[in-house]
Amino acid sequence: MPASASEEPVQQPLQLDALGPRGEFRARNRQVVPDVTGAPAAELSLVPPPFVSRAHSALRRAEPAPPDERVRRIAAAA
């Protein structure tokens, strides 16, 4: 049976992966984030405390980028 024109397509929830020092990390432990209607809008990766500790340690050890490089990165991300 074809869908009527008034029905909207079902969208998959947005996958919000954790960001670590080596890039994106999709955790097995995930939490659904609902929209205002209660429908799933996103799935948030929940990382264990050791992941957070290692990520923070790596950030503390990292050398900051030069100011002009930071400006370029911010502009590229916008």
PDB file of N, CA and C in Angstrom:
ATOM      1  N   MET A   1       0.844  -1.168   0.000  1.00  0.00           N
ATOM      2  CA  MET A   1       0.000   0.000   0.000  1.00  0.00           C
ATOM      3  C   MET A   1       0.895   1.239   0.000  1.00  0.00           C
ATOM      4  N   PRO A   2       0.744   2.161  -0.955  1.00  0.00           N
ATOM      5  CA  PRO A   2       1.601   3.340  -1.016  1.00  0.00           C
ATOM      6  C   PRO A   2       1.290   4.303   0.118  1.00  0.00           C
ATOM      7  N   ALA A   3       2.334   5.011   0.556  1.00  0.00           N
ATOM      8  CA  ALA A   3       2.174   5.992   1.625  1.00  0.00           C
ATOM      9  C   ALA A   3       1.472   7.224   1.079  1.00  0.00           C
ATOM     10  N   SER A   4       0.661   7.850   1.912  1.00  0.00           N
ATOM     11  CA  SER A   4      -0.020   9.062   1.474  1.00  0.00           C
ATOM     12  C   SER A   4       0.972  10.222   1.462  1.00  0.00           C
ATOM     13  N   ALA A   5       0.616  11.276   0.758  1.00  0.00           N
ATOM     14  CA  ALA A   5       1.508  12.430   0.621  1.00  0.00           C
ATOM     15  C   ALA A   5       1.714  13.144   1.950  1.00  0.00           C
ATOM     16  N   SER A   6       0.786  12.984   2.897  1.00  0.00           N
ATOM     17  CA  SER A   6       0.908  13.689   4.170  1.00  0.00           C
ATOM     18  C   SER A   6       1.864  13.001   5.142  1.00  0.00           C
ATOM     19  N   GLU A   7       2.208  11.742   4.873  1.00  0.00           N
ATOM     20  CA  GLU A   7       3.126  11.030   5.765  1.00  0.00           C
ATOM     21  C   GLU A   7       4.562  11.437   5.476  1.00  0.00           C
ATOM     22  N   GLU A   8       5.320  11.687   6.536  1.00  0.00           N
ATOM     23  CA  GLU A   8       6.725  12.044   6.368  1.00  0.00           C
ATOM     24  C   GLU A   8       7.566  10.785   6.435  1.00  0.00           C
ATOM     25  N   PRO A   9       8.688  10.751   5.712  1.00  0.00           N
ATOM     26  CA  PRO A   9       9.551   9.569   5.771  1.00  0.00           C
ATOM     27  C   PRO A   9      10.145   9.400   7.170  1.00  0.00           C
ATOM     28  N   VAL A  10      10.330   8.155   7.560  1.00  0.00           N
ATOM     29  CA  VAL A  10      10.915   7.868   8.866  1.00  0.00           C
ATOM     30  C   VAL A  10      12.413   8.125   8.787  1.00  0.00           C
ATOM     31  N   GLN A  11      12.921   8.940   9.708  1.00  0.00           N
ATOM     32  CA  GLN A  11      14.349   9.250   9.724  1.00  0.00           C
ATOM     33  C   GLN A  11      15.028   8.475  10.839  1.00  0.00           C
ATOM     34  N   GLN A  12      16.222   8.010  10.557  1.00  0.00           N
ATOM     35  CA  GLN A  12      17.013   7.318  11.568  1.00  0.00           C
ATOM     36  C   GLN A  12      17.582   8.361  12.528  1.00  0.00           C
ATOM     37  N   PRO A  13      17.718   8.024  13.810  1.00  0.00           N
ATOM     38  CA  PRO A  13      18.309   8.969  14.757  1.00  0.00           C
ATOM     39  C   PRO A  13      19.752   9.302  14.369  1.00  0.00           C
ATOM     40  N   LEU A  14      20.147  10.528  14.611  1.00  0.00           N
ATOM     41  CA  LEU A  14      21.511  10.985  14.366  1.00  0.00           C
ATOM     42  C   LEU A  14      22.450  10.258  15.323  1.00  0.00           C
ATOM     43  N   GLN A  15      23.549   9.704  14.812  1.00  0.00           N
ATOM     44  CA  GLN A  15      24.520   8.984  15.638  1.00  0.00           C
ATOM     45  C   GLN A  15      25.558   9.981  16.148  1.00  0.00           C
ATOM     46  N   LEU A  16      25.580  10.233  17.440  1.00  0.00           N
ATOM     47  CA  LEU A  16      26.533  11.162  18.046  1.00  0.00           C
ATOM     48  C   LEU A  16      27.627  10.354  18.727  1.00  0.00           C
ATOM     49  N   ASP A  17      28.733  10.165  18.005  1.00  0.00           N
ATOM     50  CA  ASP A  17      29.845   9.386  18.527  1.00  0.00           C
ATOM     51  C   ASP A  17      30.724  10.251  19.417  1.00  0.00           C
ATOM     52  N   ALA A  18      31.410   9.601  20.339  1.00  0.00           N
ATOM     53  CA  ALA A  18      32.366  10.296  21.197  1.00  0.00           C
ATOM     54  C   ALA A  18      33.594  10.649  20.365  1.00  0.00           C
ATOM     55  N   LEU A  19      34.230  11.760  20.694  1.00  0.00           N
ATOM     56  CA  LEU A  19      35.471  12.150  20.032  1.00  0.00           C
ATOM     57  C   LEU A  19      36.617  11.949  21.003  1.00  0.00           C
ATOM     58  N   GLY A  20      37.591  11.186  20.568  1.00  0.00           N
ATOM     59  CA  GLY A  20      38.776  10.933  21.375  1.00  0.00           C
ATOM     60  C   GLY A  20      40.016  11.392  20.639  1.00  0.00           C
ATOM     61  N   PRO A  21      41.181  11.153  21.214  1.00  0.00           N
ATOM     62  CA  PRO A  21      42.428  11.596  20.590  1.00  0.00           C
ATOM     63  C   PRO A  21      42.699  10.939  19.243  1.00  0.00           C
ATOM     64  N   ARG A  22      42.099   9.799  18.993  1.00  0.00           N
ATOM     65  CA  ARG A  22      42.301   9.101  17.715  1.00  0.00           C
ATOM     66  C   ARG A  22      41.106   9.244  16.781  1.00  0.00           C
ATOM     67  N   GLY A  23      40.187  10.113  17.106  1.00  0.00           N
ATOM     68  CA  GLY A  23      39.029  10.332  16.241  1.00  0.00           C
ATOM     69  C   GLY A  23      37.736   9.858  16.886  1.00  0.00           C
ATOM     70  N   GLU A  24      36.764   9.541  16.037  1.00  0.00           N
ATOM     71  CA  GLU A  24      35.442   9.147  16.515  1.00  0.00           C
ATOM     72  C   GLU A  24      35.471   7.764  17.156  1.00  0.00           C
ATOM     73  N   PHE A  25      34.621   7.600  18.168  1.00  0.00           N
ATOM     74  CA  PHE A  25      34.503   6.322  18.871  1.00  0.00           C
ATOM     75  C   PHE A  25      33.027   6.060  19.099  1.00  0.00           C
ATOM     76  N   ARG A  26      32.511   4.996  18.514  1.00  0.00           N
ATOM     77  CA  ARG A  26      31.107   4.624  18.702  1.00  0.00           C
ATOM     78  C   ARG A  26      31.027   3.593  19.819  1.00  0.00           C
ATOM     79  N   ALA A  27      30.523   4.012  20.954  1.00  0.00           N
ATOM     80  CA  ALA A  27      30.421   3.140  22.120  1.00  0.00           C
ATOM     81  C   ALA A  27      29.251   2.175  21.973  1.00  0.00           C
ATOM     82  N   ARG A  28      29.371   1.027  22.618  1.00  0.00           N
ATOM     83  CA  ARG A  28      28.248   0.084  22.649  1.00  0.00           C
ATOM     84  C   ARG A  28      27.149   0.603  23.556  1.00  0.00           C
ATOM     85  N   ASN A  29      27.536   1.333  24.594  1.00  0.00           N
ATOM     86  CA  ASN A  29      26.568   1.908  25.521  1.00  0.00           C
ATOM     87  C   ASN A  29      26.080   3.230  24.924  1.00  0.00           C
ATOM     88  N   ARG A  30      24.810   3.255  24.514  1.00  0.00           N
ATOM     89  CA  ARG A  30      24.264   4.424  23.845  1.00  0.00           C
ATOM     90  C   ARG A  30      22.975   4.853  24.546  1.00  0.00           C
ATOM     91  N   GLN A  31      22.698   6.137  24.481  1.00  0.00           N
ATOM     92  CA  GLN A  31      21.469   6.658  25.073  1.00  0.00           C
ATOM     93  C   GLN A  31      20.684   7.384  23.989  1.00  0.00           C
ATOM     94  N   VAL A  32      19.403   7.073  23.907  1.00  0.00           N
ATOM     95  CA  VAL A  32      18.527   7.731  22.940  1.00  0.00           C
ATOM     96  C   VAL A  32      18.170   9.116  23.472  1.00  0.00           C
ATOM     97  N   VAL A  33      18.282  10.109  22.595  1.00  0.00           N
ATOM     98  CA  VAL A  33      17.914  11.484  22.924  1.00  0.00           C
ATOM     99  C   VAL A  33      16.634  11.792  22.151  1.00  0.00           C
ATOM    100  N   PRO A  34      15.523  12.016  22.864  1.00  0.00           N
ATOM    101  CA  PRO A  34      14.262  12.264  22.158  1.00  0.00           C
ATOM    102  C   PRO A  34      14.123  13.724  21.722  1.00  0.00           C
ATOM    103  N   ASP A  35      13.279  13.940  20.699  1.00  0.00           N
ATOM    104  CA  ASP A  35      12.934  15.311  20.333  1.00  0.00           C
ATOM    105  C   ASP A  35      11.736  15.740  21.185  1.00  0.00           C
ATOM    106  N   VAL A  36      11.158  16.891  20.884  1.00  0.00           N
ATOM    107  CA  VAL A  36      10.066  17.405  21.716  1.00  0.00           C
ATOM    108  C   VAL A  36       8.803  16.556  21.649  1.00  0.00           C
ATOM    109  N   THR A  37       8.679  15.726  20.615  1.00  0.00           N
ATOM    110  CA  THR A  37       7.504  14.860  20.501  1.00  0.00           C
ATOM    111  C   THR A  37       7.723  13.504  21.161  1.00  0.00           C
ATOM    112  N   GLY A  38       8.964  13.256  21.602  1.00  0.00           N
ATOM    113  CA  GLY A  38       9.284  11.969  22.203  1.00  0.00           C
ATOM    114  C   GLY A  38       9.882  10.977  21.227  1.00  0.00           C
ATOM    115  N   ALA A  39       9.932  11.330  19.952  1.00  0.00           N
ATOM    116  CA  ALA A  39      10.535  10.452  18.942  1.00  0.00           C
ATOM    117  C   ALA A  39      12.057  10.494  19.067  1.00  0.00           C
ATOM    118  N   PRO A  40      12.742   9.390  18.786  1.00  0.00           N
ATOM    119  CA  PRO A  40      14.208   9.386  18.873  1.00  0.00           C
ATOM    120  C   PRO A  40      14.822  10.366  17.866  1.00  0.00           C
ATOM    121  N   ALA A  41      15.592  11.323  18.357  1.00  0.00           N
ATOM    122  CA  ALA A  41      16.251  12.304  17.490  1.00  0.00           C
ATOM    123  C   ALA A  41      17.717  11.961  17.298  1.00  0.00           C
ATOM    124  N   ALA A  42      18.334  11.365  18.330  1.00  0.00           N
ATOM    125  CA  ALA A  42      19.765  11.052  18.257  1.00  0.00           C
ATOM    126  C   ALA A  42      20.083   9.902  19.193  1.00  0.00           C
ATOM    127  N   GLU A  43      21.234   9.279  18.940  1.00  0.00           N
ATOM    128  CA  GLU A  43      21.786   8.270  19.845  1.00  0.00           C
ATOM    129  C   GLU A  43      23.159   8.761  20.263  1.00  0.00           C
ATOM    130  N   LEU A  44      23.330   8.945  21.552  1.00  0.00           N
ATOM    131  CA  LEU A  44      24.556   9.501  22.116  1.00  0.00           C
ATOM    132  C   LEU A  44      25.438   8.384  22.650  1.00  0.00           C
ATOM    133  N   SER A  45      26.707   8.360  22.232  1.00  0.00           N
ATOM    134  CA  SER A  45      27.660   7.374  22.751  1.00  0.00           C
ATOM    135  C   SER A  45      28.032   7.744  24.180  1.00  0.00           C
ATOM    136  N   LEU A  46      27.904   6.790  25.083  1.00  0.00           N
ATOM    137  CA  LEU A  46      28.305   6.991  26.476  1.00  0.00           C
ATOM    138  C   LEU A  46      29.592   6.205  26.698  1.00  0.00           C
ATOM    139  N   VAL A  47      30.664   6.914  27.008  1.00  0.00           N
ATOM    140  CA  VAL A  47      31.969   6.259  27.134  1.00  0.00           C
ATOM    141  C   VAL A  47      32.288   5.990  28.598  1.00  0.00           C
ATOM    142  N   PRO A  48      33.099   4.966  28.863  1.00  0.00           N
ATOM    143  CA  PRO A  48      33.469   4.648  30.238  1.00  0.00           C
ATOM    144  C   PRO A  48      34.492   5.651  30.785  1.00  0.00           C
ATOM    145  N   PRO A  49      34.576   5.773  32.106  1.00  0.00           N
ATOM    146  CA  PRO A  49      35.526   6.711  32.723  1.00  0.00           C
ATOM    147  C   PRO A  49      36.976   6.556  32.249  1.00  0.00           C
ATOM    148  N   PRO A  50      37.501   5.330  32.028  1.00  0.00           N
ATOM    149  CA  PRO A  50      38.888   5.252  31.534  1.00  0.00           C
ATOM    150  C   PRO A  50      39.087   5.927  30.169  1.00  0.00           C
ATOM    151  N   PHE A  51      38.079   5.870  29.303  1.00  0.00           N
ATOM    152  CA  PHE A  51      38.174   6.553  28.008  1.00  0.00           C
ATOM    153  C   PHE A  51      38.306   8.055  28.225  1.00  0.00           C
ATOM    154  N   VAL A  52      37.501   8.597  29.124  1.00  0.00           N
ATOM    155  CA  VAL A  52      37.540  10.031  29.410  1.00  0.00           C
ATOM    156  C   VAL A  52      38.901  10.413  29.990  1.00  0.00           C
ATOM    157  N   SER A  53      39.420   9.619  30.915  1.00  0.00           N
ATOM    158  CA  SER A  53      40.729   9.909  31.517  1.00  0.00           C
ATOM    159  C   SER A  53      41.836   9.907  30.474  1.00  0.00           C
ATOM    160  N   ARG A  54      41.832   8.904  29.591  1.00  0.00           N
ATOM    161  CA  ARG A  54      42.866   8.839  28.543  1.00  0.00           C
ATOM    162  C   ARG A  54      42.743  10.013  27.579  1.00  0.00           C
ATOM    163  N   ALA A  55      41.525  10.382  27.231  1.00  0.00           N
ATOM    164  CA  ALA A  55      41.324  11.509  26.315  1.00  0.00           C
ATOM    165  C   ALA A  55      41.809  12.813  26.946  1.00  0.00           C
ATOM    166  N   HIS A  56      41.493  13.025  28.212  1.00  0.00           N
ATOM    167  CA  HIS A  56      41.951  14.241  28.894  1.00  0.00           C
ATOM    168  C   HIS A  56      43.468  14.267  29.014  1.00  0.00           C
ATOM    169  N   SER A  57      44.068  13.137  29.314  1.00  0.00           N
ATOM    170  CA  SER A  57      45.535  13.075  29.406  1.00  0.00           C
ATOM    171  C   SER A  57      46.176  13.418  28.065  1.00  0.00           C
ATOM    172  N   ALA A  58      45.622  12.893  26.984  1.00  0.00           N
ATOM    173  CA  ALA A  58      46.163  13.182  25.653  1.00  0.00           C
ATOM    174  C   ALA A  58      46.016  14.664  25.311  1.00  0.00           C
ATOM    175  N   LEU A  59      44.900  15.268  25.688  1.00  0.00           N
ATOM    176  CA  LEU A  59      44.710  16.695  25.428  1.00  0.00           C
ATOM    177  C   LEU A  59      45.706  17.542  26.215  1.00  0.00           C
ATOM    178  N   ARG A  60      45.986  17.156  27.450  1.00  0.00           N
ATOM    179  CA  ARG A  60      46.958  17.903  28.263  1.00  0.00           C
ATOM    180  C   ARG A  60      48.367  17.817  27.684  1.00  0.00           C
ATOM    181  N   ARG A  61      48.710  16.663  27.095  1.00  0.00           N
ATOM    182  CA  ARG A  61      50.054  16.472  26.524  1.00  0.00           C
ATOM    183  C   ARG A  61      50.226  17.150  25.170  1.00  0.00           C
ATOM    184  N   ALA A  62      49.150  17.424  24.475  1.00  0.00           N
ATOM    185  CA  ALA A  62      49.225  17.954  23.110  1.00  0.00           C
ATOM    186  C   ALA A  62      49.754  19.388  23.101  1.00  0.00           C
ATOM    187  N   GLU A  63      50.575  19.672  22.102  1.00  0.00           N
ATOM    188  CA  GLU A  63      51.069  21.034  21.893  1.00  0.00           C
ATOM    189  C   GLU A  63      49.976  21.846  21.188  1.00  0.00           C
ATOM    190  N   PRO A  64      49.766  23.090  21.609  1.00  0.00           N
ATOM    191  CA  PRO A  64      48.757  23.903  20.922  1.00  0.00           C
ATOM    192  C   PRO A  64      49.230  24.280  19.518  1.00  0.00           C
ATOM    193  N   ALA A  65      48.285  24.421  18.620  1.00  0.00           N
ATOM    194  CA  ALA A  65      48.597  24.845  17.257  1.00  0.00           C
ATOM    195  C   ALA A  65      48.936  26.336  17.265  1.00  0.00           C
ATOM    196  N   PRO A  66      49.748  26.784  16.302  1.00  0.00           N
ATOM    197  CA  PRO A  66      50.036  28.221  16.200  1.00  0.00           C
ATOM    198  C   PRO A  66      48.740  29.007  15.964  1.00  0.00           C
ATOM    199  N   PRO A  67      48.717  30.286  16.360  1.00  0.00           N
ATOM    200  CA  PRO A  67      47.476  31.076  16.243  1.00  0.00           C
ATOM    201  C   PRO A  67      46.876  31.093  14.836  1.00  0.00           C
ATOM    202  N   ASP A  68      47.705  31.250  13.796  1.00  0.00           N
ATOM    203  CA  ASP A  68      47.148  31.300  12.442  1.00  0.00           C
ATOM    204  C   ASP A  68      46.542  29.956  12.033  1.00  0.00           C
ATOM    205  N   GLU A  69      47.124  28.869  12.513  1.00  0.00           N
ATOM    206  CA  GLU A  69      46.576  27.536  12.228  1.00  0.00           C
ATOM    207  C   GLU A  69      45.247  27.333  12.960  1.00  0.00           C
ATOM    208  N   ARG A  70      45.135  27.845  14.182  1.00  0.00           N
ATOM    209  CA  ARG A  70      43.870  27.744  14.924  1.00  0.00           C
ATOM    210  C   ARG A  70      42.758  28.500  14.207  1.00  0.00           C
ATOM    211  N   VAL A  71      43.089  29.704  13.707  1.00  0.00           N
ATOM    212  CA  VAL A  71      42.098  30.498  12.973  1.00  0.00           C
ATOM    213  C   VAL A  71      41.655  29.744  11.725  1.00  0.00           C
ATOM    214  N   ARG A  72      42.609  29.126  11.002  1.00  0.00           N
ATOM    215  CA  ARG A  72      42.277  28.378   9.790  1.00  0.00           C
ATOM    216  C   ARG A  72      41.363  27.201  10.118  1.00  0.00           C
ATOM    217  N   ARG A  73      41.665  26.492  11.211  1.00  0.00           N
ATOM    218  CA  ARG A  73      40.846  25.334  11.594  1.00  0.00           C
ATOM    219  C   ARG A  73      39.437  25.744  11.997  1.00  0.00           C
ATOM    220  N   ILE A  74      39.332  26.847  12.725  1.00  0.00           N
ATOM    221  CA  ILE A  74      38.003  27.332  13.133  1.00  0.00           C
ATOM    222  C   ILE A  74      37.199  27.738  11.906  1.00  0.00           C
ATOM    223  N   ALA A  75      37.849  28.420  10.959  1.00  0.00           N
ATOM    224  CA  ALA A  75      37.155  28.831   9.735  1.00  0.00           C
ATOM    225  C   ALA A  75      36.712  27.613   8.929  1.00  0.00           C
ATOM    226  N   ALA A  76      37.548  26.576   8.876  1.00  0.00           N
ATOM    227  CA  ALA A  76      37.190  25.368   8.129  1.00  0.00           C
ATOM    228  C   ALA A  76      36.031  24.629   8.790  1.00  0.00           C
ATOM    229  N   ALA A  77      35.930  24.703  10.104  1.00  0.00           N
ATOM    230  CA  ALA A  77      34.871  23.999  10.824  1.00  0.00           C
ATOM    231  C   ALA A  77      33.529  24.729  10.732  1.00  0.00           C
ATOM    232  N   ALA A  78      33.567  26.019  10.466  1.00  0.00           N
ATOM    233  CA  ALA A  78      32.325  26.818  10.437  1.00  0.00           C
ATOM    234  C   ALA A  78      31.473  26.515   9.235  1.00  0.00           C
TER     235      ALA A  78
END
